[in-house]
Amino acid sequence: MRHQVLLGEIRRDRFEPDYAWCMADGENWHHRFELDDRAMEKYMRGESIPYHGEKGWFALLWHGYPVGHGRGDGSQIKNKLPKALRRR
């Protein structure tokens, strides 16, 4: 149990949100993306998810529950799931 949640870090002059923040409050993020079962499997393996739309950080939800986050570049959402949690 934690009393605090790490929001993120400044890396290369930009803010990168932390996985813990997404899991604690992902359903309230401005950018959300609902994963279907196939996309969820890809995400859990550490793969990128095809997506055409906005750029920025997304909370990834599965059946309404936050499962992680990723960074959209306009053509895909790059996986930011910690490597220790990925499936092989």
Foldseek 3Di string as FASTA:
>chain_A
DDPDFQQFDQDPNDTDGDFRVCQVQVLPDPAEDEDEPVVVLCLLQQHKAFDADDFAKYFYHYPSHGDGIFTDPRGITGHPPPPVRHDD
